[in-house]
PDB file of N, CA and C in Angstrom:
ATOM      1  N   THR A   1      11.412  22.430  -9.913  1.00  0.00           N
ATOM      2  CA  THR A   1      11.055  23.643 -10.623  1.00  0.00           C
ATOM      3  C   THR A   1       9.845  24.258  -9.938  1.00  0.00           C
ATOM      4  N   LEU A   2       9.901  25.549  -9.713  1.00  0.00           N
ATOM      5  CA  LEU A   2       8.817  26.281  -9.061  1.00  0.00           C
ATOM      6  C   LEU A   2       8.153  27.178 -10.084  1.00  0.00           C
ATOM      7  N   HIS A   3       6.842  26.972 -10.254  1.00  0.00           N
ATOM      8  CA  HIS A   3       6.069  27.764 -11.210  1.00  0.00           C
ATOM      9  C   HIS A   3       5.227  28.787 -10.479  1.00  0.00           C
ATOM     10  N   GLU A   4       4.987  29.909 -11.118  1.00  0.00           N
ATOM     11  CA  GLU A   4       4.101  30.923 -10.562  1.00  0.00           C
ATOM     12  C   GLU A   4       2.661  30.424 -10.665  1.00  0.00           C
ATOM     13  N   GLY A   5       1.891  30.577  -9.599  1.00  0.00           N
ATOM     14  CA  GLY A   5       0.502  30.149  -9.603  1.00  0.00           C
ATOM     15  C   GLY A   5       0.343  28.692  -9.197  1.00  0.00           C
ATOM     16  N   ASP A   6      -0.852  28.147  -9.447  1.00  0.00           N
ATOM     17  CA  ASP A   6      -1.197  26.795  -9.027  1.00  0.00           C
ATOM     18  C   ASP A   6      -0.964  25.746 -10.100  1.00  0.00           C
ATOM     19  N   SER A   7      -0.477  26.141 -11.246  1.00  0.00           N
ATOM     20  CA  SER A   7      -0.367  25.225 -12.376  1.00  0.00           C
ATOM     21  C   SER A   7       1.083  25.105 -12.847  1.00  0.00           C
ATOM     22  N   LYS A   8       1.403  23.962 -13.444  1.00  0.00           N
ATOM     23  CA  LYS A   8       2.727  23.780 -14.048  1.00  0.00           C
ATOM     24  C   LYS A   8       2.863  24.586 -15.333  1.00  0.00           C
ATOM     25  N   ASP A   9       1.761  25.194 -15.770  1.00  0.00           N
ATOM     26  CA  ASP A   9       1.787  26.001 -16.988  1.00  0.00           C
ATOM     27  C   ASP A   9       2.273  27.419 -16.728  1.00  0.00           C
ATOM     28  N   GLY A  10       2.337  27.823 -15.447  1.00  0.00           N
ATOM     29  CA  GLY A  10       2.791  29.165 -15.109  1.00  0.00           C
ATOM     30  C   GLY A  10       4.267  29.343 -15.399  1.00  0.00           C
ATOM     31  N   PRO A  11       4.706  30.592 -15.487  1.00  0.00           N
ATOM     32  CA  PRO A  11       6.123  30.836 -15.759  1.00  0.00           C
ATOM     33  C   PRO A  11       7.009  30.301 -14.626  1.00  0.00           C
ATOM     34  N   VAL A  12       8.183  29.837 -14.982  1.00  0.00           N
ATOM     35  CA  VAL A  12       9.126  29.320 -13.995  1.00  0.00           C
ATOM     36  C   VAL A  12       9.704  30.500 -13.225  1.00  0.00           C
ATOM     37  N   ILE A  13       9.613  30.425 -11.884  1.00  0.00           N
ATOM     38  CA  ILE A  13      10.175  31.493 -11.059  1.00  0.00           C
ATOM     39  C   ILE A  13      11.351  30.996 -10.215  1.00  0.00           C
ATOM     40  N   GLY A  14      11.644  29.708 -10.301  1.00  0.00           N
ATOM     41  CA  GLY A  14      12.800  29.168  -9.585  1.00  0.00           C
ATOM     42  C   GLY A  14      13.032  27.727  -9.956  1.00  0.00           C
ATOM     43  N   ALA A  15      14.282  27.302  -9.898  1.00  0.00           N
ATOM     44  CA  ALA A  15      14.623  25.919 -10.201  1.00  0.00           C
ATOM     45  C   ALA A  15      15.914  25.574  -9.480  1.00  0.00           C
ATOM     46  N   GLY A  16      16.073  24.299  -9.170  1.00  0.00           N
ATOM     47  CA  GLY A  16      17.290  23.878  -8.507  1.00  0.00           C
ATOM     48  C   GLY A  16      17.243  22.398  -8.197  1.00  0.00           C
ATOM     49  N   VAL A  17      18.256  21.936  -7.498  1.00  0.00           N
ATOM     50  CA  VAL A  17      18.353  20.544  -7.117  1.00  0.00           C
ATOM     51  C   VAL A  17      18.503  20.485  -5.604  1.00  0.00           C
ATOM     52  N   LEU A  18      17.658  19.717  -4.958  1.00  0.00           N
ATOM     53  CA  LEU A  18      17.726  19.522  -3.525  1.00  0.00           C
ATOM     54  C   LEU A  18      18.453  18.216  -3.261  1.00  0.00           C
ATOM     55  N   SER A  19      19.513  18.285  -2.499  1.00  0.00           N
ATOM     56  CA  SER A  19      20.301  17.101  -2.193  1.00  0.00           C
ATOM     57  C   SER A  19      20.256  16.869  -0.685  1.00  0.00           C
ATOM     58  N   LEU A  20      19.641  15.754  -0.272  1.00  0.00           N
ATOM     59  CA  LEU A  20      19.500  15.440   1.148  1.00  0.00           C
ATOM     60  C   LEU A  20      20.034  14.050   1.428  1.00  0.00           C
ATOM     61  N   GLY A  21      20.924  13.952   2.361  1.00  0.00           N
ATOM     62  CA  GLY A  21      21.342  12.652   2.856  1.00  0.00           C
ATOM     63  C   GLY A  21      20.478  12.293   4.057  1.00  0.00           C
ATOM     64  N   PRO A  22      20.611  11.088   4.592  1.00  0.00           N
ATOM     65  CA  PRO A  22      19.793  10.681   5.744  1.00  0.00           C
ATOM     66  C   PRO A  22      19.924  11.632   6.945  1.00  0.00           C
ATOM     67  N   ALA A  23      21.141  12.074   7.247  1.00  0.00           N
ATOM     68  CA  ALA A  23      21.330  12.989   8.384  1.00  0.00           C
ATOM     69  C   ALA A  23      20.667  14.334   8.107  1.00  0.00           C
ATOM     70  N   ASP A  24      20.777  14.816   6.862  1.00  0.00           N
ATOM     71  CA  ASP A  24      20.145  16.084   6.486  1.00  0.00           C
ATOM     72  C   ASP A  24      18.629  15.987   6.598  1.00  0.00           C
ATOM     73  N   LEU A  25      18.075  14.878   6.145  1.00  0.00           N
ATOM     74  CA  LEU A  25      16.629  14.671   6.202  1.00  0.00           C
ATOM     75  C   LEU A  25      16.138  14.630   7.639  1.00  0.00           C
ATOM     76  N   THR A  26      16.864  13.931   8.485  1.00  0.00           N
ATOM     77  CA  THR A  26      16.496  13.861   9.901  1.00  0.00           C
ATOM     78  C   THR A  26      16.511  15.252  10.528  1.00  0.00           C
ATOM     79  N   ARG A  27      17.553  16.009  10.253  1.00  0.00           N
ATOM     80  CA  ARG A  27      17.674  17.361  10.792  1.00  0.00           C
ATOM     81  C   ARG A  27      16.545  18.251  10.253  1.00  0.00           C
ATOM     82  N   LEU A  28      16.221  18.119   8.974  1.00  0.00           N
ATOM     83  CA  LEU A  28      15.149  18.907   8.361  1.00  0.00           C
ATOM     84  C   LEU A  28      13.812  18.629   9.032  1.00  0.00           C
ATOM     85  N   LEU A  29      13.520  17.361   9.274  1.00  0.00           N
ATOM     86  CA  LEU A  29      12.226  17.001   9.864  1.00  0.00           C
ATOM     87  C   LEU A  29      12.063  17.523  11.288  1.00  0.00           C
ATOM     88  N   THR A  30      13.162  17.774  11.978  1.00  0.00           N
ATOM     89  CA  THR A  30      13.055  18.330  13.339  1.00  0.00           C
ATOM     90  C   THR A  30      12.695  19.811  13.322  1.00  0.00           C
ATOM     91  N   THR A  31      12.731  20.438  12.147  1.00  0.00           N
ATOM     92  CA  THR A  31      12.404  21.863  12.054  1.00  0.00           C
ATOM     93  C   THR A  31      10.943  22.110  11.690  1.00  0.00           C
ATOM     94  N   VAL A  32      10.176  21.059  11.438  1.00  0.00           N
ATOM     95  CA  VAL A  32       8.767  21.211  11.059  1.00  0.00           C
ATOM     96  C   VAL A  32       7.989  21.765  12.249  1.00  0.00           C
ATOM     97  N   ARG A  33       7.256  22.844  12.025  1.00  0.00           N
ATOM     98  CA  ARG A  33       6.435  23.461  13.064  1.00  0.00           C
ATOM     99  C   ARG A  33       5.010  23.594  12.554  1.00  0.00           C
ATOM    100  N   VAL A  34       4.057  23.344  13.426  1.00  0.00           N
ATOM    101  CA  VAL A  34       2.640  23.464  13.095  1.00  0.00           C
ATOM    102  C   VAL A  34       2.119  24.742  13.732  1.00  0.00           C
ATOM    103  N   THR A  35       1.429  25.557  12.951  1.00  0.00           N
ATOM    104  CA  THR A  35       0.816  26.779  13.494  1.00  0.00           C
ATOM    105  C   THR A  35      -0.693  26.638  13.460  1.00  0.00           C
ATOM    106  N   GLY A  36      -1.354  27.306  14.379  1.00  0.00           N
ATOM    107  CA  GLY A  36      -2.813  27.299  14.406  1.00  0.00           C
ATOM    108  C   GLY A  36      -3.415  26.028  14.970  1.00  0.00           C
ATOM    109  N   SER A  37      -2.632  25.211  15.615  1.00  0.00           N
ATOM    110  CA  SER A  37      -3.131  23.969  16.185  1.00  0.00           C
ATOM    111  C   SER A  37      -3.780  24.248  17.538  1.00  0.00           C
ATOM    112  N   SER A  38      -4.849  23.514  17.841  1.00  0.00           N
ATOM    113  CA  SER A  38      -5.541  23.732  19.115  1.00  0.00           C
ATOM    114  C   SER A  38      -5.147  22.717  20.180  1.00  0.00           C
ATOM    115  N   SER A  39      -4.371  21.688  19.805  1.00  0.00           N
ATOM    116  CA  SER A  39      -3.981  20.682  20.791  1.00  0.00           C
ATOM    117  C   SER A  39      -2.706  19.966  20.351  1.00  0.00           C
ATOM    118  N   THR A  40      -2.090  19.303  21.296  1.00  0.00           N
ATOM    119  CA  THR A  40      -0.902  18.503  20.997  1.00  0.00           C
ATOM    120  C   THR A  40      -1.257  17.365  20.045  1.00  0.00           C
ATOM    121  N   ALA A  41      -2.431  16.778  20.247  1.00  0.00           N
ATOM    122  CA  ALA A  41      -2.869  15.679  19.374  1.00  0.00           C
ATOM    123  C   ALA A  41      -3.028  16.161  17.936  1.00  0.00           C
ATOM    124  N   GLU A  42      -3.622  17.331  17.748  1.00  0.00           N
ATOM    125  CA  GLU A  42      -3.799  17.880  16.401  1.00  0.00           C
ATOM    126  C   GLU A  42      -2.437  18.185  15.770  1.00  0.00           C
ATOM    127  N   THR A  43      -1.517  18.705  16.559  1.00  0.00           N
ATOM    128  CA  THR A  43      -0.168  18.973  16.072  1.00  0.00           C
ATOM    129  C   THR A  43       0.490  17.680  15.611  1.00  0.00           C
ATOM    130  N   GLY A  44       0.372  16.640  16.419  1.00  0.00           N
ATOM    131  CA  GLY A  44       0.952  15.341  16.064  1.00  0.00           C
ATOM    132  C   GLY A  44       0.359  14.786  14.781  1.00  0.00           C
ATOM    133  N   ARG A  45      -0.963  14.872  14.648  1.00  0.00           N
ATOM    134  CA  ARG A  45      -1.621  14.375  13.432  1.00  0.00           C
ATOM    135  C   ARG A  45      -1.157  15.152  12.201  1.00  0.00           C
ATOM    136  N   THR A  46      -1.032  16.462  12.348  1.00  0.00           N
ATOM    137  CA  THR A  46      -0.620  17.305  11.220  1.00  0.00           C
ATOM    138  C   THR A  46       0.808  16.979  10.788  1.00  0.00           C
ATOM    139  N   VAL A  47       1.706  16.829  11.748  1.00  0.00           N
ATOM    140  CA  VAL A  47       3.092  16.469  11.421  1.00  0.00           C
ATOM    141  C   VAL A  47       3.126  15.089  10.764  1.00  0.00           C
ATOM    142  N   ALA A  48       2.338  14.153  11.281  1.00  0.00           N
ATOM    143  CA  ALA A  48       2.298  12.808  10.699  1.00  0.00           C
ATOM    144  C   ALA A  48       1.776  12.846   9.261  1.00  0.00           C
ATOM    145  N   GLN A  49       0.743  13.655   9.003  1.00  0.00           N
ATOM    146  CA  GLN A  49       0.206  13.771   7.640  1.00  0.00           C
ATOM    147  C   GLN A  49       1.254  14.354   6.698  1.00  0.00           C
ATOM    148  N   PHE A  50       1.968  15.371   7.172  1.00  0.00           N
ATOM    149  CA  PHE A  50       3.027  15.948   6.342  1.00  0.00           C
ATOM    150  C   PHE A  50       4.106  14.896   6.073  1.00  0.00           C
ATOM    151  N   GLY A  51       4.507  14.169   7.104  1.00  0.00           N
ATOM    152  CA  GLY A  51       5.535  13.140   6.948  1.00  0.00           C
ATOM    153  C   GLY A  51       5.124  12.084   5.947  1.00  0.00           C
ATOM    154  N   GLN A  52       3.862  11.650   6.019  1.00  0.00           N
ATOM    155  CA  GLN A  52       3.370  10.651   5.065  1.00  0.00           C
ATOM    156  C   GLN A  52       3.430  11.195   3.641  1.00  0.00           C
ATOM    157  N   PHE A  53       2.994  12.439   3.476  1.00  0.00           N
ATOM    158  CA  PHE A  53       3.021  13.050   2.146  1.00  0.00           C
ATOM    159  C   PHE A  53       4.455  13.182   1.649  1.00  0.00           C
ATOM    160  N   PHE A  54       5.324  13.761   2.468  1.00  0.00           N
ATOM    161  CA  PHE A  54       6.697  14.031   2.067  1.00  0.00           C
ATOM    162  C   PHE A  54       7.450  12.741   1.759  1.00  0.00           C
ATOM    163  N   MET A  55       7.387  11.783   2.657  1.00  0.00           N
ATOM    164  CA  MET A  55       8.093  10.525   2.439  1.00  0.00           C
ATOM    165  C   MET A  55       7.474   9.746   1.277  1.00  0.00           C
ATOM    166  N   GLY A  56       6.150   9.847   1.123  1.00  0.00           N
ATOM    167  CA  GLY A  56       5.481   9.192   0.000  1.00  0.00           C
ATOM    168  C   GLY A  56       5.970   9.733  -1.333  1.00  0.00           C
ATOM    169  N   GLU A  57       6.126  11.055  -1.412  1.00  0.00           N
ATOM    170  CA  GLU A  57       6.627  11.661  -2.636  1.00  0.00           C
ATOM    171  C   GLU A  57       8.070  11.220  -2.905  1.00  0.00           C
ATOM    172  N   LEU A  58       8.885  11.184  -1.858  1.00  0.00           N
ATOM    173  CA  LEU A  58      10.263  10.720  -2.025  1.00  0.00           C
ATOM    174  C   LEU A  58      10.288   9.276  -2.514  1.00  0.00           C
ATOM    175  N   TRP A  59       9.445   8.431  -1.909  1.00  0.00           N
ATOM    176  CA  TRP A  59       9.408   7.015  -2.295  1.00  0.00           C
ATOM    177  C   TRP A  59       8.970   6.864  -3.749  1.00  0.00           C
ATOM    178  N   GLU A  60       7.897   7.541  -4.129  1.00  0.00           N
ATOM    179  CA  GLU A  60       7.389   7.410  -5.494  1.00  0.00           C
ATOM    180  C   GLU A  60       8.401   7.902  -6.519  1.00  0.00           C
ATOM    181  N   THR A  61       9.167   8.916  -6.153  1.00  0.00           N
ATOM    182  CA  THR A  61      10.128   9.487  -7.082  1.00  0.00           C
ATOM    183  C   THR A  61      11.420   8.689  -7.152  1.00  0.00           C
ATOM    184  N   TYR A  62      11.939   8.282  -5.979  1.00  0.00           N
ATOM    185  CA  TYR A  62      13.275   7.706  -5.951  1.00  0.00           C
ATOM    186  C   TYR A  62      13.329   6.220  -5.585  1.00  0.00           C
ATOM    187  N   GLY A  63      12.371   5.720  -4.829  1.00  0.00           N
ATOM    188  CA  GLY A  63      12.434   4.342  -4.369  1.00  0.00           C
ATOM    189  C   GLY A  63      11.647   3.369  -5.216  1.00  0.00           C
ATOM    190  N   ALA A  64      10.402   3.682  -5.471  1.00  0.00           N
ATOM    191  CA  ALA A  64       9.499   2.755  -6.148  1.00  0.00           C
ATOM    192  C   ALA A  64       9.984   2.317  -7.526  1.00  0.00           C
ATOM    193  N   PRO A  65      10.587   3.205  -8.338  1.00  0.00           N
ATOM    194  CA  PRO A  65      11.019   2.732  -9.662  1.00  0.00           C
ATOM    195  C   PRO A  65      11.981   1.547  -9.609  1.00  0.00           C
ATOM    196  N   PHE A  66      12.719   1.390  -8.536  1.00  0.00           N
ATOM    197  CA  PHE A  66      13.652   0.279  -8.422  1.00  0.00           C
ATOM    198  C   PHE A  66      12.962  -1.028  -8.049  1.00  0.00           C
ATOM    199  N   PHE A  67      11.720  -0.954  -7.568  1.00  0.00           N
ATOM    200  CA  PHE A  67      11.022  -2.145  -7.102  1.00  0.00           C
ATOM    201  C   PHE A  67       9.826  -2.522  -7.967  1.00  0.00           C
ATOM    202  N   ARG A  68       9.565  -1.774  -9.002  1.00  0.00           N
ATOM    203  CA  ARG A  68       8.450  -2.105  -9.892  1.00  0.00           C
ATOM    204  C   ARG A  68       8.870  -3.252 -10.806  1.00  0.00           C
ATOM    205  N   PRO A  69       7.961  -4.206 -11.036  1.00  0.00           N
ATOM    206  CA  PRO A  69       8.313  -5.317 -11.928  1.00  0.00           C
ATOM    207  C   PRO A  69       8.527  -4.813 -13.352  1.00  0.00           C
ATOM    208  N   ARG A  70       9.349  -5.539 -14.091  1.00  0.00           N
ATOM    209  CA  ARG A  70       9.568  -5.173 -15.488  1.00  0.00           C
ATOM    210  C   ARG A  70       8.278  -5.391 -16.267  1.00  0.00           C
ATOM    211  N   PRO A  71       8.009  -4.558 -17.261  1.00  0.00           N
ATOM    212  CA  PRO A  71       6.809  -4.746 -18.091  1.00  0.00           C
ATOM    213  C   PRO A  71       6.851  -6.095 -18.794  1.00  0.00           C
ATOM    214  N   TRP A  72       5.686  -6.659 -19.091  1.00  0.00           N
ATOM    215  CA  TRP A  72       5.617  -7.983 -19.688  1.00  0.00           C
ATOM    216  C   TRP A  72       6.369  -8.053 -21.010  1.00  0.00           C
ATOM    217  N   TRP A  73       6.376  -6.962 -21.799  1.00  0.00           N
ATOM    218  CA  TRP A  73       7.045  -7.026 -23.094  1.00  0.00           C
ATOM    219  C   TRP A  73       8.570  -7.119 -22.940  1.00  0.00           C
ATOM    220  N   ARG A  74       9.097  -6.702 -21.813  1.00  0.00           N
ATOM    221  CA  ARG A  74      10.531  -6.891 -21.584  1.00  0.00           C
ATOM    222  C   ARG A  74      10.818  -8.330 -21.172  1.00  0.00           C
ATOM    223  N   ARG A  75       9.887  -8.939 -20.442  1.00  0.00           N
ATOM    224  CA  ARG A  75      10.077 -10.331 -20.029  1.00  0.00           C
ATOM    225  C   ARG A  75      10.017 -11.267 -21.232  1.00  0.00           C
ATOM    226  N   VAL A  76       9.268 -10.883 -22.265  1.00  0.00           N
ATOM    227  CA  VAL A  76       9.130 -11.717 -23.457  1.00  0.00           C
ATOM    228  C   VAL A  76      10.493 -11.949 -24.092  1.00  0.00           C
ATOM    229  N   THR A  77      11.395 -10.989 -23.989  1.00  0.00           N
ATOM    230  CA  THR A  77      12.701 -11.118 -24.631  1.00  0.00           C
ATOM    231  C   THR A  77      13.664 -11.985 -23.832  1.00  0.00           C
ATOM    232  N   ASP A  78      13.211 -12.562 -22.712  1.00  0.00           N
ATOM    233  CA  ASP A  78      14.081 -13.390 -21.881  1.00  0.00           C
ATOM    234  C   ASP A  78      14.291 -14.792 -22.450  1.00  0.00           C
ATOM    235  N   GLY A  79      13.805 -15.078 -23.633  1.00  0.00           N
ATOM    236  CA  GLY A  79      13.975 -16.397 -24.235  1.00  0.00           C
ATOM    237  C   GLY A  79      12.683 -17.187 -24.190  1.00  0.00           C
ATOM    238  N   ALA A  80      12.753 -18.438 -24.599  1.00  0.00           N
ATOM    239  CA  ALA A  80      11.561 -19.280 -24.703  1.00  0.00           C
ATOM    240  C   ALA A  80      10.871 -19.443 -23.357  1.00  0.00           C
ATOM    241  N   THR A  81      11.629 -19.621 -22.297  1.00  0.00           N
ATOM    242  CA  THR A  81      11.022 -19.794 -20.979  1.00  0.00           C
ATOM    243  C   THR A  81      10.270 -18.538 -20.578  1.00  0.00           C
ATOM    244  N   GLY A  82      10.906 -17.383 -20.816  1.00  0.00           N
ATOM    245  CA  GLY A  82      10.249 -16.113 -20.492  1.00  0.00           C
ATOM    246  C   GLY A  82       8.979 -15.923 -21.294  1.00  0.00           C
ATOM    247  N   LEU A  83       9.014 -16.269 -22.563  1.00  0.00           N
ATOM    248  CA  LEU A  83       7.850 -16.132 -23.421  1.00  0.00           C
ATOM    249  C   LEU A  83       6.722 -17.038 -22.955  1.00  0.00           C
ATOM    250  N   ALA A  84       7.039 -18.285 -22.648  1.00  0.00           N
ATOM    251  CA  ALA A  84       6.005 -19.221 -22.186  1.00  0.00           C
ATOM    252  C   ALA A  84       5.416 -18.746 -20.866  1.00  0.00           C
ATOM    253  N   SER A  85       6.256 -18.282 -19.976  1.00  0.00           N
ATOM    254  CA  SER A  85       5.792 -17.793 -18.683  1.00  0.00           C
ATOM    255  C   SER A  85       4.877 -16.590 -18.869  1.00  0.00           C
ATOM    256  N   THR A  86       5.270 -15.684 -19.762  1.00  0.00           N
ATOM    257  CA  THR A  86       4.461 -14.491 -20.022  1.00  0.00           C
ATOM    258  C   THR A  86       3.126 -14.878 -20.636  1.00  0.00           C
ATOM    259  N   ALA A  87       3.131 -15.823 -21.556  1.00  0.00           N
ATOM    260  CA  ALA A  87       1.889 -16.265 -22.186  1.00  0.00           C
ATOM    261  C   ALA A  87       0.939 -16.849 -21.145  1.00  0.00           C
ATOM    262  N   ARG A  88       1.461 -17.668 -20.217  1.00  0.00           N
ATOM    263  CA  ARG A  88       0.618 -18.238 -19.162  1.00  0.00           C
ATOM    264  C   ARG A  88       0.052 -17.137 -18.268  1.00  0.00           C
ATOM    265  N   THR A  89       0.896 -16.165 -17.926  1.00  0.00           N
ATOM    266  CA  THR A  89       0.450 -15.071 -17.067  1.00  0.00           C
ATOM    267  C   THR A  89      -0.653 -14.278 -17.748  1.00  0.00           C
ATOM    268  N   LEU A  90      -0.452 -13.941 -19.012  1.00  0.00           N
ATOM    269  CA  LEU A  90      -1.472 -13.180 -19.748  1.00  0.00           C
ATOM    270  C   LEU A  90      -2.758 -13.982 -19.891  1.00  0.00           C
ATOM    271  N   ALA A  91      -2.643 -15.260 -20.159  1.00  0.00           N
ATOM    272  CA  ALA A  91      -3.843 -16.102 -20.297  1.00  0.00           C
ATOM    273  C   ALA A  91      -4.611 -16.120 -18.989  1.00  0.00           C
ATOM    274  N   GLY A  92      -3.905 -16.203 -17.886  1.00  0.00           N
ATOM    275  CA  GLY A  92      -4.554 -16.190 -16.583  1.00  0.00           C
ATOM    276  C   GLY A  92      -5.288 -14.891 -16.315  1.00  0.00           C
ATOM    277  N   ARG A  93      -4.721 -13.781 -16.752  1.00  0.00           N
ATOM    278  CA  ARG A  93      -5.349 -12.472 -16.548  1.00  0.00           C
ATOM    279  C   ARG A  93      -6.592 -12.338 -17.399  1.00  0.00           C
ATOM    280  N   ILE A  94      -6.553 -12.878 -18.617  1.00  0.00           N
ATOM    281  CA  ILE A  94      -7.697 -12.771 -19.530  1.00  0.00           C
ATOM    282  C   ILE A  94      -8.876 -13.566 -18.994  1.00  0.00           C
ATOM    283  N   ARG A  95      -8.629 -14.727 -18.382  1.00  0.00           N
ATOM    284  CA  ARG A  95      -9.701 -15.578 -17.871  1.00  0.00           C
ATOM    285  C   ARG A  95     -10.433 -14.951 -16.697  1.00  0.00           C
ATOM    286  N   ARG A  96      -9.782 -14.068 -15.973  1.00  0.00           N
ATOM    287  CA  ARG A  96     -10.396 -13.494 -14.759  1.00  0.00           C
ATOM    288  C   ARG A  96     -11.478 -12.580 -15.071  1.00  0.00           C
TER     289      ARG A  96
END
Protein backbone atom coordinates (compact mmCIF):
# COMPACT_ATOMS: atom_id res chain seq x y z
CA THR A 1 0.00 0.00 0.00
CA LEU A 2 1.33 3.42 -0.97
CA HIS A 3 0.35 6.37 1.20
CA GLU A 4 0.62 10.04 0.33
CA GLY A 5 3.36 11.74 2.35
CA ASP A 6 5.86 10.25 4.80
CA SER A 7 3.36 8.60 7.12
CA LYS A 8 1.11 5.54 7.01
CA ASP A 9 -1.63 7.92 8.16
CA GLY A 10 -1.76 9.65 4.76
CA PRO A 11 -4.46 8.80 2.25
CA VAL A 12 -3.90 5.67 0.18
CA ILE A 13 -2.83 6.58 -3.35
CA GLY A 14 -2.03 3.08 -4.59
CA ALA A 15 -2.17 -0.56 -3.61
CA GLY A 16 -1.31 -3.88 -5.16
CA VAL A 17 0.54 -7.15 -4.87
CA LEU A 18 4.09 -7.61 -6.10
CA SER A 19 4.84 -11.16 -7.17
CA LEU A 20 8.51 -11.99 -7.80
CA GLY A 21 10.05 -15.35 -8.47
CA PRO A 22 13.82 -15.93 -8.21
CA ALA A 23 14.37 -15.22 -11.93
CA ASP A 24 12.26 -12.04 -11.72
CA LEU A 25 14.20 -10.85 -8.68
CA THR A 26 17.53 -11.48 -10.37
CA ARG A 27 16.40 -9.58 -13.46
CA LEU A 28 15.06 -6.71 -11.30
CA LEU A 29 18.34 -6.33 -9.42
CA THR A 30 20.25 -5.92 -12.70
CA THR A 31 18.22 -2.77 -13.40
CA VAL A 32 19.37 -0.91 -10.26
CA ARG A 33 21.24 2.27 -11.23
CA VAL A 34 23.04 4.71 -8.95
CA THR A 35 23.00 8.41 -9.84
CA GLY A 36 25.24 11.12 -8.46
CA SER A 37 28.04 8.73 -7.57
CA SER A 38 31.61 10.03 -7.73
CA SER A 39 33.35 6.66 -8.07
CA THR A 40 32.88 3.00 -8.91
CA ALA A 41 33.54 2.15 -5.26
CA GLU A 42 30.78 4.50 -4.08
CA THR A 43 28.41 3.01 -6.66
CA GLY A 44 29.22 -0.49 -5.42
CA ARG A 45 28.67 0.49 -1.78
CA THR A 46 25.34 2.14 -2.61
CA VAL A 47 24.07 -0.89 -4.54
CA ALA A 48 25.22 -3.17 -1.70
CA GLN A 49 23.39 -1.01 0.88
CA PHE A 50 20.22 -1.13 -1.20
CA GLY A 51 20.56 -4.91 -1.60
CA GLN A 52 20.99 -5.37 2.15
CA PHE A 53 17.92 -3.24 2.84
CA PHE A 54 15.77 -4.86 0.14
CA MET A 55 16.71 -8.45 0.92
CA GLY A 56 16.47 -7.73 4.66
CA GLU A 57 12.91 -6.51 4.24
CA LEU A 58 12.04 -9.59 2.17
CA TRP A 59 13.59 -11.86 4.80
CA GLU A 60 11.83 -10.19 7.72
CA THR A 61 8.50 -10.32 5.92
CA TYR A 62 8.59 -13.74 4.28
CA GLY A 63 11.50 -15.81 5.62
CA ALA A 64 12.03 -15.09 9.29
CA PRO A 65 8.51 -16.00 10.48
CA PHE A 66 9.17 -19.60 9.44
CA PHE A 67 12.36 -19.80 11.52
CA ARG A 68 11.31 -18.05 14.72
CA PRO A 69 10.93 -20.37 17.71
CA ARG A 70 7.43 -20.98 19.00
CA PRO A 71 6.48 -18.82 21.99
CA TRP A 72 6.95 -20.49 25.37
CA TRP A 73 3.19 -20.59 26.04
CA ARG A 74 2.72 -22.77 22.95
CA ARG A 75 5.45 -25.15 24.12
CA VAL A 76 3.66 -25.52 27.46
CA THR A 77 0.82 -27.33 25.69
CA ASP A 78 3.22 -30.02 24.41
CA GLY A 79 2.49 -32.20 27.46
CA ALA A 80 4.31 -32.84 30.73
CA THR A 81 7.74 -32.97 29.10
CA GLY A 82 7.13 -29.67 27.34
CA LEU A 83 5.91 -28.07 30.55
CA ALA A 84 8.91 -29.28 32.56
CA SER A 85 11.29 -28.13 29.84
CA THR A 86 9.63 -24.72 29.71
CA ALA A 87 9.75 -24.37 33.49
CA ARG A 88 13.50 -25.13 33.50
CA THR A 89 14.09 -22.65 30.68
CA LEU A 90 12.14 -19.90 32.44
CA ALA A 91 13.89 -20.60 35.75
CA GLY A 92 17.24 -20.30 34.01
CA ARG A 93 16.27 -16.95 32.51
CA ILE A 94 15.09 -15.59 35.86
CA ARG A 95 18.39 -16.49 37.57
CA ARG A 96 20.45 -14.52 35.03
